[in-house]
């Protein structure tokens, strides 16, 4: 496998602190990366005014980091990513 073909499994966790303000843009952004998204779970917590979203990905490091960085620029969104060390 060439370096450009190396893929990894990753999980992005995001907390939308103002979902009414950021949910639409978050959804549009993640949809633009649909080629690497393998699954998504959203958990609205209306009593706390937040939404928790977890996304499972399979992609190269540039794709994973690009999505994470763009999510991190959304107002009121906290994001963390875990990336496997194993190359697939």
Protein backbone atom coordinates (compact mmCIF):
# COMPACT_ATOMS: atom_id res chain seq x y z
CA UNK A 1 0.00 0.00 0.00
CA UNK A 2 1.25 3.48 -0.80
CA UNK A 3 1.12 6.20 1.84
CA UNK A 4 -1.84 7.86 0.09
CA UNK A 5 -3.77 4.59 0.24
CA UNK A 6 -3.27 4.08 3.98
CA UNK A 7 -6.54 4.33 5.84
CA UNK A 8 -7.38 4.30 9.51
CA UNK A 9 -10.46 3.89 11.62
CA UNK A 10 -11.42 6.98 13.61
CA UNK A 11 -14.17 8.17 15.90
CA UNK A 12 -15.18 11.81 16.12
CA UNK A 13 -17.15 12.91 19.15
CA UNK A 14 -18.79 16.31 19.12
CA UNK A 15 -20.85 18.27 21.60
CA UNK A 16 -23.08 20.91 20.09
CA UNK A 17 -23.56 23.42 22.89
CA UNK A 18 -26.14 25.38 20.89
CA UNK A 19 -27.63 22.80 18.52
CA UNK A 20 -30.27 25.20 17.22
CA UNK A 21 -27.42 27.41 15.99
CA UNK A 22 -24.97 24.80 14.65
CA UNK A 23 -26.90 21.61 13.80
CA UNK A 24 -27.70 22.51 10.19
CA UNK A 25 -24.15 23.52 9.34
CA UNK A 26 -22.77 20.47 11.19
CA UNK A 27 -25.03 18.15 9.17
CA UNK A 28 -24.08 19.79 5.86
CA UNK A 29 -20.39 19.52 6.71
CA UNK A 30 -20.50 15.86 7.70
CA UNK A 31 -22.58 15.06 4.61
CA UNK A 32 -19.81 16.49 2.45
CA UNK A 33 -17.53 13.78 3.89
CA UNK A 34 -20.02 10.95 3.29
CA UNK A 35 -17.34 8.92 1.47
CA UNK A 36 -15.51 8.23 4.74
CA UNK A 37 -18.44 8.20 7.20
CA UNK A 38 -19.41 4.67 8.22
CA UNK A 39 -21.90 5.43 10.97
CA UNK A 40 -23.32 8.22 13.05
CA UNK A 41 -25.23 8.43 16.31
CA UNK A 42 -26.85 11.59 17.61
CA UNK A 43 -28.15 12.01 21.11
CA UNK A 44 -30.17 15.16 21.77
CA UNK A 45 -30.18 16.23 25.41
CA UNK A 46 -32.84 18.95 25.43
CA UNK A 47 -32.92 19.16 29.23
CA UNK A 48 -29.30 20.30 29.05
CA UNK A 49 -29.55 22.28 25.80
CA UNK A 50 -26.91 20.21 24.00
CA UNK A 51 -26.61 17.45 21.41
CA UNK A 52 -23.92 14.77 21.48
CA UNK A 53 -22.87 13.26 18.14
CA UNK A 54 -20.47 10.39 17.48
CA UNK A 55 -19.25 9.58 13.97
CA UNK A 56 -17.29 6.46 12.92
CA UNK A 57 -14.95 6.97 9.95
CA UNK A 58 -12.62 5.03 7.69
CA UNK A 59 -10.31 7.33 5.76
CA UNK A 60 -6.81 8.64 5.34
CA UNK A 61 -5.34 10.98 7.94
CA UNK A 62 -5.78 14.07 5.76
CA UNK A 63 -9.51 13.40 5.34
CA UNK A 64 -10.05 12.67 9.04
CA UNK A 65 -8.08 15.72 10.16
CA UNK A 66 -9.81 17.94 7.60
CA UNK A 67 -13.26 16.98 8.87
CA UNK A 68 -12.21 17.35 12.51
CA UNK A 69 -10.71 20.79 11.84
CA UNK A 70 -13.78 22.04 10.01
CA UNK A 71 -16.09 20.80 12.76
CA UNK A 72 -13.88 22.53 15.33
CA UNK A 73 -14.42 25.87 13.57
CA UNK A 74 -18.19 25.72 14.01
CA UNK A 75 -19.43 28.07 16.73
CA UNK A 76 -20.47 26.35 19.95
CA UNK A 77 -19.09 22.94 18.93
CA UNK A 78 -16.51 21.00 20.93
CA UNK A 79 -14.82 18.14 19.05
CA UNK A 80 -12.34 15.35 19.80
CA UNK A 81 -11.06 12.61 17.53
CA UNK A 82 -9.57 9.20 18.28
CA UNK A 83 -7.63 7.58 15.44
CA UNK A 84 -6.49 3.96 15.40
CA UNK A 85 -2.79 3.26 15.11
CA UNK A 86 -3.50 0.25 12.90
CA UNK A 87 -3.32 0.97 9.19
CA UNK A 88 -5.91 -0.72 7.02
